[in-house]
Amino acid sequence: MDRPGKFENNRFIGDKRSQVVYDIDELGEPHEHLVHELMEAETFLCFGPDTLAEARNRGYKLFAPQRSNAL
C-alpha cells in the first residue's frame, strides 16, 4: 500500500478508537480499506520516533494479520 499523503514519511499509523497500529509498508491489499476508513474518520495517530516499539510503548498493538511478520 502507498502511504497516505499526510503520512508519506510515516510507516506506522495508529487508530485511536481501537488502539491498533498498522504497518503501512506491509499492509496487504485486502486490508487497505481499513486505512482509508481511518483517514476518513480522522481518528489516526502517528508516532515519533516512527517505530513499532514507540507504538507499543503508547499501548498500541500491531494489527493482528501483521503480527506474524513483525520484526
N, C-alpha and C. Protein backbone atom coordinates (compact mmCIF):
# COMPACT_ATOMS: atom_id res chain seq x y z
N MET A 1 0.84 -1.18 0.00
CA MET A 1 0.00 0.00 0.00
C MET A 1 0.89 1.24 0.00
N ASP A 2 0.47 2.24 -0.74
CA ASP A 2 1.17 3.52 -0.71
C ASP A 2 0.80 4.25 0.56
N ARG A 3 1.73 5.00 1.06
CA ARG A 3 1.48 5.76 2.29
C ARG A 3 0.52 6.92 2.00
N PRO A 4 -0.43 7.16 2.91
CA PRO A 4 -1.34 8.30 2.72
C PRO A 4 -0.57 9.61 2.68
N GLY A 5 -1.10 10.60 1.95
CA GLY A 5 -0.42 11.87 1.74
C GLY A 5 0.08 12.54 3.00
N LYS A 6 -0.74 12.60 4.04
CA LYS A 6 -0.32 13.24 5.29
C LYS A 6 0.79 12.46 5.99
N PHE A 7 0.94 11.19 5.64
CA PHE A 7 1.88 10.33 6.34
C PHE A 7 2.92 9.73 5.41
N GLU A 8 3.33 10.50 4.42
CA GLU A 8 4.29 9.97 3.46
C GLU A 8 5.64 9.63 4.10
N ASN A 9 5.92 10.21 5.27
CA ASN A 9 7.18 9.93 5.97
C ASN A 9 6.98 9.01 7.18
N ASN A 10 5.78 8.44 7.32
CA ASN A 10 5.50 7.58 8.46
C ASN A 10 5.14 6.18 7.99
N ARG A 11 5.72 5.21 8.67
CA ARG A 11 5.43 3.81 8.36
C ARG A 11 4.30 3.27 9.22
N PHE A 12 4.23 3.71 10.47
CA PHE A 12 3.24 3.20 11.42
C PHE A 12 2.17 4.24 11.70
N ILE A 13 0.90 3.84 11.55
CA ILE A 13 -0.23 4.72 11.80
C ILE A 13 -1.18 4.00 12.75
N GLY A 14 -1.55 4.69 13.82
CA GLY A 14 -2.41 4.09 14.82
C GLY A 14 -3.85 4.55 14.72
N ASP A 15 -4.75 3.69 15.16
CA ASP A 15 -6.18 4.00 15.23
C ASP A 15 -6.51 4.28 16.69
N LYS A 16 -6.89 5.51 17.01
CA LYS A 16 -7.17 5.90 18.38
C LYS A 16 -8.36 5.17 18.97
N ARG A 17 -9.30 4.76 18.14
CA ARG A 17 -10.51 4.09 18.61
C ARG A 17 -10.24 2.70 19.14
N SER A 18 -9.38 1.97 18.48
CA SER A 18 -9.15 0.56 18.83
C SER A 18 -7.76 0.29 19.38
N GLN A 19 -6.89 1.31 19.38
CA GLN A 19 -5.51 1.17 19.84
C GLN A 19 -4.75 0.11 19.04
N VAL A 20 -5.02 0.09 17.73
CA VAL A 20 -4.34 -0.81 16.80
C VAL A 20 -3.42 0.03 15.94
N VAL A 21 -2.24 -0.49 15.67
CA VAL A 21 -1.29 0.20 14.80
C VAL A 21 -1.12 -0.63 13.52
N TYR A 22 -1.08 0.08 12.39
CA TYR A 22 -0.90 -0.56 11.09
C TYR A 22 0.48 -0.24 10.55
N ASP A 23 1.16 -1.25 10.04
CA ASP A 23 2.43 -1.07 9.34
C ASP A 23 2.06 -0.85 7.87
N ILE A 24 2.05 0.38 7.44
CA ILE A 24 1.58 0.73 6.10
C ILE A 24 2.41 0.03 5.02
N ASP A 25 3.70 -0.11 5.23
CA ASP A 25 4.57 -0.72 4.22
C ASP A 25 4.27 -2.20 4.03
N GLU A 26 3.71 -2.85 5.03
CA GLU A 26 3.45 -4.29 4.97
C GLU A 26 1.96 -4.63 4.88
N LEU A 27 1.11 -3.63 4.78
CA LEU A 27 -0.33 -3.86 4.75
C LEU A 27 -0.75 -4.38 3.38
N GLY A 28 -1.40 -5.52 3.37
CA GLY A 28 -1.82 -6.13 2.11
C GLY A 28 -3.07 -5.47 1.53
N GLU A 29 -3.27 -5.71 0.26
CA GLU A 29 -4.40 -5.12 -0.45
C GLU A 29 -5.75 -5.44 0.18
N PRO A 30 -5.97 -6.64 0.72
CA PRO A 30 -7.27 -6.94 1.32
C PRO A 30 -7.61 -6.05 2.53
N HIS A 31 -6.60 -5.41 3.12
CA HIS A 31 -6.82 -4.61 4.32
C HIS A 31 -6.65 -3.11 4.09
N GLU A 32 -6.37 -2.69 2.88
CA GLU A 32 -6.15 -1.27 2.60
C GLU A 32 -7.36 -0.42 2.96
N HIS A 33 -8.54 -0.98 2.83
CA HIS A 33 -9.76 -0.22 3.13
C HIS A 33 -9.78 0.26 4.59
N LEU A 34 -9.11 -0.46 5.48
CA LEU A 34 -9.08 -0.06 6.89
C LEU A 34 -8.38 1.28 7.07
N VAL A 35 -7.29 1.49 6.37
CA VAL A 35 -6.56 2.74 6.48
C VAL A 35 -7.33 3.86 5.81
N HIS A 36 -7.98 3.58 4.69
CA HIS A 36 -8.80 4.60 4.02
C HIS A 36 -9.93 5.04 4.95
N GLU A 37 -10.57 4.09 5.62
CA GLU A 37 -11.65 4.40 6.56
C GLU A 37 -11.11 5.20 7.74
N LEU A 38 -9.92 4.86 8.19
CA LEU A 38 -9.28 5.57 9.30
C LEU A 38 -9.01 7.02 8.93
N MET A 39 -8.55 7.26 7.71
CA MET A 39 -8.29 8.62 7.26
C MET A 39 -9.59 9.43 7.17
N GLU A 40 -10.65 8.80 6.70
CA GLU A 40 -11.95 9.49 6.61
C GLU A 40 -12.50 9.83 7.99
N ALA A 41 -12.31 8.93 8.95
CA ALA A 41 -12.82 9.16 10.31
C ALA A 41 -11.96 10.15 11.10
N GLU A 42 -10.75 10.40 10.61
CA GLU A 42 -9.80 11.31 11.27
C GLU A 42 -9.52 10.92 12.72
N THR A 43 -9.34 9.62 12.94
CA THR A 43 -9.01 9.13 14.28
C THR A 43 -7.64 8.45 14.26
N PHE A 44 -6.72 9.00 13.49
CA PHE A 44 -5.39 8.42 13.32
C PHE A 44 -4.36 9.12 14.20
N LEU A 45 -3.24 8.46 14.33
CA LEU A 45 -2.14 8.97 15.13
C LEU A 45 -0.84 8.44 14.54
N CYS A 46 0.17 9.28 14.48
CA CYS A 46 1.49 8.80 14.09
C CYS A 46 2.39 8.86 15.31
N PHE A 47 3.52 8.22 15.22
CA PHE A 47 4.41 8.09 16.37
C PHE A 47 5.76 8.72 16.09
N GLY A 48 6.36 9.25 17.11
CA GLY A 48 7.68 9.85 17.00
C GLY A 48 8.56 9.33 18.12
N PRO A 49 9.54 8.55 17.83
CA PRO A 49 10.00 8.11 16.51
C PRO A 49 9.02 7.13 15.87
N ASP A 50 9.10 7.03 14.58
CA ASP A 50 8.18 6.20 13.79
C ASP A 50 8.63 4.73 13.84
N THR A 51 8.41 4.11 15.00
CA THR A 51 8.81 2.72 15.20
C THR A 51 7.68 1.94 15.86
N LEU A 52 7.71 0.64 15.67
CA LEU A 52 6.74 -0.23 16.32
C LEU A 52 6.93 -0.21 17.83
N ALA A 53 8.18 -0.11 18.27
CA ALA A 53 8.47 -0.04 19.70
C ALA A 53 7.80 1.17 20.35
N GLU A 54 7.80 2.31 19.68
CA GLU A 54 7.15 3.51 20.22
C GLU A 54 5.64 3.33 20.25
N ALA A 55 5.08 2.72 19.23
CA ALA A 55 3.63 2.46 19.22
C ALA A 55 3.26 1.54 20.39
N ARG A 56 4.04 0.51 20.61
CA ARG A 56 3.79 -0.40 21.73
C ARG A 56 3.96 0.31 23.06
N ASN A 57 4.91 1.21 23.15
CA ASN A 57 5.13 1.98 24.36
C ASN A 57 3.90 2.81 24.71
N ARG A 58 3.15 3.23 23.71
CA ARG A 58 1.93 4.03 23.93
C ARG A 58 0.68 3.17 24.06
N GLY A 59 0.85 1.85 24.13
CA GLY A 59 -0.28 0.95 24.36
C GLY A 59 -0.95 0.41 23.11
N TYR A 60 -0.36 0.63 21.95
CA TYR A 60 -0.95 0.15 20.70
C TYR A 60 -0.43 -1.24 20.39
N LYS A 61 -1.30 -2.05 19.78
CA LYS A 61 -0.92 -3.40 19.36
C LYS A 61 -0.95 -3.47 17.85
N LEU A 62 0.01 -4.19 17.31
CA LEU A 62 0.11 -4.35 15.86
C LEU A 62 -1.13 -5.08 15.34
N PHE A 63 -1.64 -4.65 14.20
CA PHE A 63 -2.78 -5.25 13.53
C PHE A 63 -2.56 -6.76 13.44
N ALA A 64 -3.52 -7.54 13.92
CA ALA A 64 -3.38 -8.99 14.07
C ALA A 64 -2.81 -9.71 12.85
N PRO A 65 -3.30 -9.48 11.63
CA PRO A 65 -2.73 -10.19 10.48
C PRO A 65 -1.25 -9.86 10.22
N GLN A 66 -0.74 -8.78 10.79
CA GLN A 66 0.65 -8.40 10.58
C GLN A 66 1.57 -8.93 11.67
N ARG A 67 1.03 -9.46 12.74
CA ARG A 67 1.86 -9.88 13.87
C ARG A 67 2.84 -10.97 13.55
N SER A 68 2.49 -11.91 12.69
CA SER A 68 3.41 -12.99 12.37
C SER A 68 4.62 -12.50 11.56
N ASN A 69 4.48 -11.34 10.92
CA ASN A 69 5.56 -10.78 10.11
C ASN A 69 6.37 -9.72 10.86
N ALA A 70 6.00 -9.44 12.13
CA ALA A 70 6.63 -8.35 12.88
C ALA A 70 8.11 -8.62 13.11
N LEU A 71 8.85 -7.53 13.17
CA LEU A 71 10.30 -7.61 13.39
C LEU A 71 10.60 -7.95 14.83
